[in-house]
Amino acid sequence: MKKLNIFILLVALFSGCDQFDDDINVNPNAPSQASGTQLIANAMLYLPGLSSSPSAQFMSQYLSETQYVNASLYPQSSTSFYGLYQGPLMNLETVLNADDLSGNEGPIPNQLAVASILKSYFTWHITDRWGDIPYTEALQGADDFTPAYDTQESIYSDLLSVLTAADNQIVAGSISNDIIYDGDMSKWSKLANTIRMLMALRLSEVNPSLAQQEFTAAMQAGVMESNDDNLVFKHLADANNQNYWFSQIDLQGREWWALSETLVEKMKPYGDPRLFVYGDPNRTDGDYTGLLFGDIEDFDTEKYALLGSAIHQQDAPVYLVTYAQTLFAMAEAAKLGWVSGGDIEAENYYNMAIENSMMQWNADVSGLDAFMMQADIAYDPARAIEQIATQRWIHLFMHGYEGWAEYRRTGYPDNMVSPGGADVPNRQIYIEAEQFNNTDNYNEAVQRQFGGAESLYGKVWWDAN
């Protein structure tokens, strides 16, 4: 009887194995699908990567290598943009195409506006590095593995419209999971208009009439008003969200990066207090000595000012779009006659930009007045564009790709070097996989832009300098 009961129990058990609920393997305490604001937050985690890489700093000659110099110069091979499409852009595109966003996470128009602003910012970054890129046909997943490349001109035109629409879309109410502005939509509005304004300025050489039109419209719509409005990624003193340079220098002991001679030459002669934040004094004589970019003979870790301790703290922030940038842009616009005030207003914006740059970087501003009175620093109408561009480049330290873009547009600073005869590149080379996986569209883009010969020295559309 005992054996019979065991047999009946086993039959009942196995005969019911195909009658479990469909969610038997679903953990009810772990969501299987990210919400809209969670996808947006995940995209935000990619923001510091737009700045925090050695190659970015090399493009703008902010840092020089103290070791492995030959391997750290301009990348002669391809550079991939796939990670930005597969990561943040795909997350944001999912939000923008969703039909089930939850109002419990904040007004849906605001979720869509933030997704649009971030998508525009990432896309702007990509097109300024590579030129024409997949845009209107991109992010379709399995529906289109071979998207066409849009022209940079058309991408700029569309992004300017998207940013305008995003600002107009914002309504009252905050969104959740916002690790940048804590749901403050007034700051997202200012960011959208500031990005639009900076994009417009980038067109100053290729289409000045459109540049002025978009610049003034964005300015009137409301741009950043203080350092509190900065787009800044705030790392934590936590291994799960720590600064890239902390992991490289403090954890792995890689003292591979010194301030470049290019940078130090523009700061040290004037006692620029930001220099003491940007770098640490060398260990030979305690001076701030810059290392010639690309020097393959006289490089070491003792003779030169290494990357500053404040820059590679575990929780050191990454500055992306800032109030000082906004002011430098307005100074240039005033000098160009795009906004009223002429040299008087240009000088005012220029002075405010330098002051807020120093405040952003926590530099000692006790000697600011004396610093600003120096001959090469004090606003000079005859050299205004050079001064504005040079000080902007100094301010953009560690946001190498942005500093590089401004150098390509303006030609300043004027002391960039050409190691081994290699000038500063004009762009980056498309990932080689595109030649095989997206052949026709890749070939068309290269032919359209560069006559079929792709290199670091083909110019992107707006680079008319």
Protein backbone atom coordinates (compact mmCIF):
# COMPACT_ATOMS: atom_id res chain seq x y z
CA MET A 1 0.00 0.00 0.00
CA LYS A 2 2.87 2.36 0.87
CA LYS A 3 4.48 1.77 -2.55
CA LEU A 4 1.11 2.34 -4.28
CA ASN A 5 0.65 5.70 -2.55
CA ILE A 6 4.13 6.84 -3.60
CA PHE A 7 3.40 5.79 -7.21
CA ILE A 8 0.11 7.74 -7.27
CA LEU A 9 1.84 10.83 -5.88
CA LEU A 10 4.58 10.73 -8.55
CA VAL A 11 2.03 10.28 -11.35
CA ALA A 12 0.11 13.32 -10.11
CA LEU A 13 3.27 15.38 -9.85
CA PHE A 14 4.63 14.69 -13.33
CA SER A 15 1.25 14.76 -15.06
CA GLY A 16 0.85 18.35 -13.84
CA CYS A 17 4.25 19.61 -15.04
CA ASP A 18 2.74 21.30 -18.10
CA GLN A 19 0.08 23.14 -16.13
CA PHE A 20 2.25 25.72 -14.32
CA ASP A 21 1.40 29.40 -14.80
CA ASP A 22 3.27 31.20 -17.58
CA ASP A 23 5.05 33.43 -15.05
CA ILE A 24 6.52 30.56 -13.01
CA ASN A 25 10.07 31.75 -13.82
CA VAL A 26 9.36 35.46 -13.38
CA ASN A 27 10.61 37.08 -10.21
CA PRO A 28 7.75 39.33 -9.06
CA ASN A 29 10.23 41.53 -7.21
CA ALA A 30 12.40 42.24 -10.29
CA PRO A 31 10.77 44.13 -13.18
CA SER A 32 11.23 42.35 -16.52
CA GLN A 33 10.79 45.55 -18.54
CA ALA A 34 12.30 48.95 -17.84
CA SER A 35 9.98 51.92 -17.55
CA GLY A 36 10.36 55.07 -19.61
CA THR A 37 12.25 57.05 -16.98
CA GLN A 38 14.42 54.05 -16.16
CA LEU A 39 15.49 53.85 -19.81
CA ILE A 40 16.20 57.58 -19.77
CA ALA A 41 18.25 57.20 -16.60
CA ASN A 42 20.23 54.38 -18.16
CA ALA A 43 21.00 56.61 -21.15
CA MET A 44 22.22 59.28 -18.73
CA LEU A 45 24.82 56.84 -17.40
CA TYR A 46 26.57 57.09 -20.77
CA LEU A 47 27.03 60.86 -20.52
CA PRO A 48 30.46 60.88 -18.82
CA GLY A 49 31.78 58.65 -21.61
CA LEU A 50 31.37 61.57 -24.01
CA SER A 51 34.23 63.21 -22.14
CA SER A 52 36.08 60.69 -20.00
CA SER A 53 38.54 59.04 -22.35
CA PRO A 54 42.22 59.64 -23.08
CA SER A 55 41.60 59.83 -26.84
CA ALA A 56 39.21 62.75 -26.30
CA GLN A 57 41.89 64.70 -24.45
CA PHE A 58 44.51 63.91 -27.09
CA MET A 59 42.28 65.32 -29.84
CA SER A 60 42.29 68.67 -28.08
CA GLN A 61 45.88 68.33 -26.77
CA TYR A 62 44.85 68.81 -23.16
CA LEU A 63 46.94 65.87 -21.95
CA SER A 64 50.18 64.25 -23.04
CA GLU A 65 51.21 60.65 -22.45
CA THR A 66 54.00 59.94 -20.00
CA GLN A 67 54.23 56.36 -21.29
CA TYR A 68 53.30 54.44 -24.47
CA VAL A 69 53.40 57.69 -26.43
CA ASN A 70 53.28 56.17 -29.92
CA ALA A 71 50.17 54.18 -29.07
CA SER A 72 48.35 57.21 -27.73
CA LEU A 73 48.53 59.63 -30.62
CA TYR A 74 45.80 60.28 -33.15
CA PRO A 75 43.98 57.05 -34.08
CA GLN A 76 44.96 56.26 -37.67
CA SER A 77 42.50 53.36 -37.74
CA SER A 78 38.75 53.37 -37.30
CA THR A 79 36.82 54.45 -34.22
CA SER A 80 33.46 52.89 -33.43
CA PHE A 81 30.22 54.74 -32.84
CA TYR A 82 28.27 51.50 -32.38
CA GLY A 83 28.24 51.66 -28.58
CA LEU A 84 26.43 54.99 -28.59
CA TYR A 85 23.74 53.65 -30.92
CA GLN A 86 23.33 50.33 -29.11
CA GLY A 87 23.32 51.92 -25.66
CA PRO A 88 21.90 55.39 -24.93
CA LEU A 89 20.36 56.11 -28.33
CA MET A 90 18.45 52.83 -28.45
CA ASN A 91 17.16 53.40 -24.92
CA LEU A 92 15.96 56.87 -25.81
CA GLU A 93 14.44 55.76 -29.10
CA THR A 94 12.47 53.10 -27.22
CA VAL A 95 11.01 55.81 -24.99
CA LEU A 96 10.18 58.07 -27.91
CA ASN A 97 8.34 55.25 -29.71
CA ALA A 98 6.60 53.80 -26.65
CA ASP A 99 2.82 53.77 -26.40
CA ASP A 100 2.70 52.66 -22.75
CA LEU A 101 4.62 55.32 -20.83
CA SER A 102 3.32 55.73 -17.30
CA GLY A 103 2.12 59.07 -16.03
CA ASN A 104 3.00 57.84 -12.54
CA GLU A 105 6.62 58.73 -13.37
CA GLY A 106 5.76 62.29 -14.32
CA PRO A 107 3.95 63.96 -17.19
CA ILE A 108 4.45 61.95 -20.37
CA PRO A 109 5.23 65.08 -22.44
CA ASN A 110 8.11 65.76 -20.08
CA GLN A 111 9.45 62.23 -20.39
CA LEU A 112 9.37 62.59 -24.16
CA ALA A 113 10.98 66.03 -24.00
CA VAL A 114 13.91 64.81 -21.90
CA ALA A 115 14.38 61.80 -24.19
CA SER A 116 14.42 64.12 -27.21
CA ILE A 117 16.93 66.50 -25.63
CA LEU A 118 19.29 63.70 -24.67
CA LYS A 119 18.97 61.99 -28.04
CA SER A 120 19.79 65.29 -29.74
CA TYR A 121 22.82 65.80 -27.52
CA PHE A 122 24.24 62.33 -28.16
CA THR A 123 23.58 62.65 -31.90
CA TRP A 124 25.24 66.07 -32.04
CA HIS A 125 28.30 64.57 -30.38
CA ILE A 126 28.47 61.70 -32.89
CA THR A 127 28.03 63.76 -36.05
CA ASP A 128 30.66 66.28 -34.94
CA ARG A 129 33.18 63.48 -34.53
CA TRP A 130 32.51 61.48 -37.69
CA GLY A 131 30.54 63.70 -40.10
CA ASP A 132 27.57 62.17 -41.93
CA ILE A 133 26.05 59.37 -39.84
CA PRO A 134 22.99 57.10 -39.85
CA TYR A 135 20.11 59.10 -38.42
CA THR A 136 16.61 58.95 -39.93
CA GLU A 137 16.91 55.22 -40.73
CA ALA A 138 18.93 54.33 -37.61
CA LEU A 139 17.73 52.60 -34.43
CA GLN A 140 15.25 50.34 -36.25
CA GLY A 141 16.69 47.10 -34.89
CA ALA A 142 16.02 44.05 -37.00
CA ASP A 143 13.86 46.12 -39.34
CA ASP A 144 16.91 47.81 -40.84
CA PHE A 145 20.48 46.64 -40.28
CA THR A 146 21.81 48.87 -43.09
CA PRO A 147 20.64 52.43 -42.46
CA ALA A 148 21.55 55.21 -44.86
CA TYR A 149 23.88 57.99 -43.77
CA ASP A 150 22.21 61.40 -43.46
CA THR A 151 24.19 64.50 -44.32
CA GLN A 152 25.47 66.46 -41.38
CA GLU A 153 23.68 69.52 -42.73
CA SER A 154 20.31 67.75 -42.61
CA ILE A 155 21.05 66.31 -39.17
CA TYR A 156 21.82 69.76 -37.78
CA SER A 157 18.65 71.14 -39.30
CA ASP A 158 16.53 68.41 -37.77
CA LEU A 159 18.18 68.55 -34.34
CA LEU A 160 17.60 72.28 -34.11
CA SER A 161 13.90 71.66 -34.80
CA VAL A 162 13.74 68.74 -32.34
CA LEU A 163 15.29 70.83 -29.55
CA THR A 164 12.84 73.64 -30.21
CA ALA A 165 9.90 71.23 -30.13
CA ALA A 166 11.19 69.56 -26.97
CA ASP A 167 11.36 72.88 -25.15
CA ASN A 168 7.84 73.76 -26.27
CA GLN A 169 6.59 70.34 -25.19
CA ILE A 170 7.51 70.77 -21.53
CA VAL A 171 4.60 71.13 -19.11
CA ALA A 172 4.33 71.62 -15.36
CA GLY A 173 5.44 68.69 -13.24
CA SER A 174 8.66 66.75 -12.64
CA ILE A 175 9.74 63.28 -13.78
CA SER A 176 11.21 60.51 -11.65
CA ASN A 177 14.57 58.74 -11.95
CA ASP A 178 16.22 61.95 -13.17
CA ILE A 179 19.84 61.65 -12.00
CA ILE A 180 20.87 64.91 -13.72
CA TYR A 181 18.37 67.59 -12.68
CA ASP A 182 16.23 65.69 -10.16
CA GLY A 183 13.15 66.21 -12.30
CA ASP A 184 13.47 69.99 -12.56
CA MET A 185 12.02 70.66 -16.00
CA SER A 186 13.02 74.33 -16.00
CA LYS A 187 16.63 73.18 -16.15
CA TRP A 188 15.88 70.77 -18.98
CA SER A 189 14.29 73.67 -20.86
CA LYS A 190 17.43 75.78 -20.40
CA LEU A 191 19.60 72.86 -21.47
CA ALA A 192 17.60 72.33 -24.67
CA ASN A 193 17.93 75.99 -25.62
CA THR A 194 21.61 76.12 -24.66
CA ILE A 195 22.47 73.09 -26.80
CA ARG A 196 20.52 74.67 -29.64
CA MET A 197 22.46 77.90 -29.19
CA LEU A 198 25.84 76.13 -29.14
CA MET A 199 24.90 74.12 -32.22
CA ALA A 200 23.94 77.33 -33.98
CA LEU A 201 27.31 78.88 -33.17
CA ARG A 202 29.04 75.88 -34.71
CA LEU A 203 27.53 76.96 -38.04
CA SER A 204 29.17 80.39 -37.88
CA GLU A 205 31.57 79.70 -40.75
CA VAL A 206 29.37 77.58 -43.02
CA ASN A 207 25.98 79.32 -42.72
CA PRO A 208 26.22 82.51 -40.65
CA SER A 209 22.68 83.70 -41.43
CA LEU A 210 21.10 80.47 -40.17
CA ALA A 211 23.52 80.47 -37.27
CA GLN A 212 22.46 83.94 -36.18
CA GLN A 213 18.77 83.15 -36.59
CA GLU A 214 18.91 79.99 -34.49
CA PHE A 215 21.29 81.48 -31.96
CA THR A 216 19.13 84.47 -31.16
CA ALA A 217 15.94 82.41 -31.08
CA ALA A 218 17.49 79.94 -28.64
CA MET A 219 18.86 82.77 -26.49
CA GLN A 220 15.45 84.42 -26.33
CA ALA A 221 13.80 81.12 -25.41
CA GLY A 222 15.92 80.95 -22.25
CA VAL A 223 19.40 79.50 -21.78
CA MET A 224 21.53 78.68 -18.73
CA GLU A 225 21.64 81.43 -16.11
CA SER A 226 24.14 80.12 -13.55
CA ASN A 227 26.45 77.21 -12.80
CA ASP A 228 23.50 75.57 -11.08
CA ASP A 229 22.07 74.94 -14.55
CA ASN A 230 25.14 73.04 -15.80
CA LEU A 231 24.77 69.65 -17.42
CA VAL A 232 27.14 67.84 -15.09
CA PHE A 233 27.39 64.14 -14.35
CA LYS A 234 27.95 63.71 -10.63
CA HIS A 235 29.92 60.59 -9.78
CA LEU A 236 29.71 59.02 -6.35
CA ALA A 237 32.30 57.83 -3.86
CA ASP A 238 31.13 54.34 -4.77
CA ALA A 239 32.65 51.67 -6.98
CA ASN A 240 29.41 51.37 -8.93
CA ASN A 241 29.47 54.99 -10.07
CA GLN A 242 33.00 56.32 -9.84
CA ASN A 243 35.02 58.63 -12.03
CA TYR A 244 36.87 56.97 -14.93
CA TRP A 245 40.16 58.68 -14.08
CA PHE A 246 39.97 57.46 -10.47
CA SER A 247 39.82 53.88 -11.66
CA GLN A 248 42.75 54.45 -13.99
CA ILE A 249 45.06 56.48 -11.75
CA ASP A 250 44.16 55.69 -8.15
CA LEU A 251 43.09 52.06 -8.46
CA GLN A 252 45.37 50.88 -11.25
CA GLY A 253 48.29 53.19 -10.56
CA ARG A 254 48.49 54.51 -14.11
CA GLU A 255 50.30 57.84 -13.94
CA TRP A 256 50.14 58.03 -17.70
CA TRP A 257 48.81 61.56 -18.22
CA ALA A 258 50.48 64.93 -17.76
CA LEU A 259 49.23 68.39 -18.67
CA SER A 260 50.31 69.22 -22.19
CA GLU A 261 52.75 71.99 -22.94
CA THR A 262 50.03 73.34 -25.26
CA LEU A 263 47.73 73.90 -22.26
CA VAL A 264 50.34 75.08 -19.76
CA GLU A 265 51.66 77.71 -22.20
CA LYS A 266 48.21 79.33 -22.25
CA MET A 267 47.83 79.33 -18.45
CA LYS A 268 51.10 79.43 -16.51
CA PRO A 269 52.46 82.80 -17.79
CA TYR A 270 49.30 84.49 -16.49
CA GLY A 271 49.06 82.73 -13.14
CA ASP A 272 45.73 81.21 -14.17
CA PRO A 273 44.37 79.70 -10.92
CA ARG A 274 42.61 76.93 -12.85
CA LEU A 275 46.05 75.48 -13.62
CA PHE A 276 46.43 74.47 -9.97
CA VAL A 277 43.19 72.49 -10.24
CA TYR A 278 43.87 70.98 -13.64
CA GLY A 279 47.27 69.58 -12.65
CA ASP A 280 49.54 68.75 -9.73
CA PRO A 281 53.06 70.24 -9.57
CA ASN A 282 55.83 68.01 -10.86
CA ARG A 283 57.79 65.95 -8.37
CA THR A 284 61.18 67.26 -9.47
CA ASP A 285 61.04 70.91 -8.49
CA GLY A 286 57.39 71.53 -7.63
CA ASP A 287 56.77 73.59 -10.76
CA TYR A 288 53.99 73.32 -13.30
CA THR A 289 55.78 72.00 -16.36
CA GLY A 290 53.83 70.90 -19.42
CA LEU A 291 54.85 67.87 -21.48
CA LEU A 292 55.16 68.43 -25.21
CA PHE A 293 52.31 66.53 -26.84
CA GLY A 294 53.62 63.48 -28.70
CA ASP A 295 57.17 63.74 -27.36
CA ILE A 296 58.69 60.26 -27.72
CA GLU A 297 62.08 61.10 -26.21
CA ASP A 298 61.75 63.21 -23.05
CA PHE A 299 58.73 61.89 -21.21
CA ASP A 300 58.37 60.64 -17.66
CA THR A 301 56.19 60.95 -14.58
CA GLU A 302 58.53 63.05 -12.44
CA LYS A 303 59.39 66.11 -14.53
CA TYR A 304 55.90 67.12 -15.60
CA ALA A 305 52.66 68.22 -13.98
CA LEU A 306 50.40 65.19 -13.84
CA LEU A 307 46.61 65.29 -14.07
CA GLY A 308 45.28 67.10 -11.00
CA SER A 309 44.17 65.18 -7.92
CA ALA A 310 40.84 67.04 -7.94
CA ILE A 311 40.14 65.78 -11.44
CA HIS A 312 40.55 62.11 -10.58
CA GLN A 313 38.82 61.89 -7.23
CA GLN A 314 36.40 58.99 -7.02
CA ASP A 315 33.39 61.31 -7.03
CA ALA A 316 34.84 64.01 -9.31
CA PRO A 317 32.11 65.38 -11.61
CA VAL A 318 32.19 65.54 -15.40
CA TYR A 319 31.15 68.87 -16.92
CA LEU A 320 29.41 68.66 -20.29
CA VAL A 321 27.32 71.75 -21.10
CA THR A 322 28.00 74.70 -18.84
CA TYR A 323 27.03 78.26 -18.02
CA ALA A 324 30.54 79.48 -18.82
CA GLN A 325 30.21 77.94 -22.29
CA THR A 326 26.95 79.80 -22.67
CA LEU A 327 28.62 83.09 -21.75
CA PHE A 328 31.56 82.54 -24.10
CA ALA A 329 29.06 81.86 -26.89
CA MET A 330 27.17 85.06 -26.09
CA ALA A 331 30.44 87.01 -26.04
CA GLU A 332 31.29 85.74 -29.50
CA ALA A 333 27.78 86.46 -30.77
CA ALA A 334 27.97 90.03 -29.47
CA LYS A 335 31.32 90.51 -31.18
CA LEU A 336 29.88 89.13 -34.43
CA GLY A 337 26.93 91.50 -34.20
CA TRP A 338 24.35 88.74 -33.77
CA VAL A 339 23.11 90.27 -30.53
CA SER A 340 23.09 93.89 -29.50
CA GLY A 341 25.73 95.60 -27.43
CA GLY A 342 28.84 95.25 -29.56
CA ASP A 343 32.20 95.21 -27.79
CA ILE A 344 30.75 96.52 -24.54
CA GLU A 345 28.42 93.54 -24.21
CA ALA A 346 30.99 91.11 -25.62
CA GLU A 347 33.48 92.19 -22.96
CA ASN A 348 30.88 91.81 -20.23
CA TYR A 349 29.99 88.28 -21.31
CA TYR A 350 33.68 87.39 -21.73
CA ASN A 351 34.57 88.56 -18.23
CA MET A 352 31.58 86.75 -16.73
CA ALA A 353 32.52 83.57 -18.61
CA ILE A 354 36.02 83.49 -17.16
CA GLU A 355 34.76 84.21 -13.66
CA ASN A 356 32.14 81.46 -13.82
CA SER A 357 34.64 79.06 -15.33
CA MET A 358 36.90 79.57 -12.33
CA MET A 359 33.99 79.17 -9.95
CA GLN A 360 32.92 75.97 -11.68
CA TRP A 361 36.42 74.53 -11.32
CA ASN A 362 36.69 75.67 -7.67
CA ALA A 363 39.74 77.78 -8.51
CA ASP A 364 40.98 80.51 -6.19
CA VAL A 365 39.31 83.70 -7.42
CA SER A 366 40.87 86.03 -4.86
CA GLY A 367 43.18 87.41 -7.53
CA LEU A 368 40.61 87.49 -10.31
CA ASP A 369 40.70 91.25 -10.86
CA ALA A 370 44.48 91.26 -11.28
CA PHE A 371 44.29 88.26 -13.59
CA MET A 372 41.72 89.96 -15.81
CA MET A 373 43.82 93.13 -16.13
CA GLN A 374 46.76 91.39 -17.78
CA ALA A 375 47.49 92.48 -21.34
CA ASP A 376 46.73 89.18 -23.07
CA ILE A 377 43.71 88.44 -20.88
CA ALA A 378 41.91 91.81 -20.75
CA TYR A 379 39.34 92.08 -23.52
CA ASP A 380 40.82 93.57 -26.67
CA PRO A 381 38.37 94.38 -29.51
CA ALA A 382 41.08 93.71 -32.09
CA ARG A 383 41.74 90.20 -30.74
CA ALA A 384 38.37 89.41 -29.23
CA ILE A 385 37.54 86.24 -31.19
CA GLU A 386 40.98 84.77 -30.45
CA GLN A 387 40.67 85.62 -26.76
CA ILE A 388 37.16 84.22 -26.45
CA ALA A 389 38.06 81.03 -28.32
CA THR A 390 41.27 80.48 -26.33
CA GLN A 391 39.63 81.01 -22.96
CA ARG A 392 36.73 78.76 -23.98
CA TRP A 393 39.22 76.03 -24.89
CA ILE A 394 40.90 76.40 -21.50
CA HIS A 395 37.51 76.20 -19.80
CA LEU A 396 36.57 73.02 -21.71
CA PHE A 397 39.49 71.11 -20.16
CA MET A 398 38.76 67.37 -19.96
CA HIS A 399 35.83 67.71 -22.34
CA GLY A 400 38.22 66.93 -25.14
CA TYR A 401 35.85 66.25 -28.02
CA GLU A 402 34.09 69.57 -27.45
CA GLY A 403 37.36 71.46 -27.15
CA TRP A 404 38.52 69.77 -30.36
CA ALA A 405 35.33 70.79 -32.19
CA GLU A 406 35.77 74.41 -31.16
CA TYR A 407 39.42 74.33 -32.24
CA ARG A 408 38.38 73.03 -35.66
CA ARG A 409 35.80 75.80 -35.99
CA THR A 410 37.92 78.72 -34.81
CA GLY A 411 41.55 77.67 -35.24
CA TYR A 412 42.32 78.55 -31.60
CA PRO A 413 44.34 78.03 -29.52
CA ASP A 414 47.13 78.91 -31.92
CA ASN A 415 49.85 76.72 -30.39
CA MET A 416 48.70 73.21 -31.26
CA VAL A 417 51.65 70.99 -32.26
CA SER A 418 52.02 68.34 -34.98
CA PRO A 419 53.95 65.38 -33.53
CA GLY A 420 55.76 63.52 -36.27
CA GLY A 421 54.19 65.91 -38.76
CA ALA A 422 50.67 64.79 -37.87
CA ASP A 423 48.35 67.76 -37.62
CA VAL A 424 45.27 67.77 -35.40
CA PRO A 425 42.68 65.56 -37.18
CA ASN A 426 39.53 67.03 -38.71
CA ARG A 427 37.35 64.02 -37.89
CA GLN A 428 37.44 60.37 -36.89
CA ILE A 429 37.32 57.41 -39.28
CA TYR A 430 34.18 55.27 -39.50
CA ILE A 431 34.25 51.82 -37.91
CA GLU A 432 35.65 49.33 -40.43
CA ALA A 433 32.69 46.98 -39.98
CA GLU A 434 30.54 49.46 -41.89
CA GLN A 435 32.55 48.73 -45.04
CA PHE A 436 31.35 45.13 -44.90
CA ASN A 437 27.99 45.29 -43.15
CA ASN A 438 26.61 48.49 -44.66
CA THR A 439 28.69 48.71 -47.82
CA ASP A 440 26.53 50.73 -50.18
CA ASN A 441 25.55 53.37 -47.64
CA TYR A 442 29.09 53.61 -46.29
CA ASN A 443 30.56 54.06 -49.79
CA GLU A 444 27.96 56.68 -50.66
CA ALA A 445 28.72 58.68 -47.51
CA VAL A 446 32.48 58.57 -48.04
CA GLN A 447 32.15 59.53 -51.70
CA ARG A 448 29.73 62.36 -50.93
CA GLN A 449 31.93 63.91 -48.23
CA PHE A 450 35.49 63.06 -49.15
CA GLY A 451 35.54 62.03 -52.78
CA GLY A 452 35.84 58.37 -51.84
CA ALA A 453 39.04 58.67 -49.80
CA GLU A 454 38.26 58.49 -46.10
CA SER A 455 40.86 59.79 -43.65
CA LEU A 456 41.34 61.78 -40.47
CA TYR A 457 41.71 64.91 -42.57
CA GLY A 458 38.47 65.02 -44.50
CA LYS A 459 36.40 67.89 -43.17
CA VAL A 460 32.94 67.68 -41.68
CA TRP A 461 30.31 69.93 -43.22
CA TRP A 462 30.53 72.87 -40.83
CA ASP A 463 34.36 72.94 -40.78
CA ALA A 464 34.87 75.73 -43.32
CA ASN A 465 37.79 77.41 -41.52
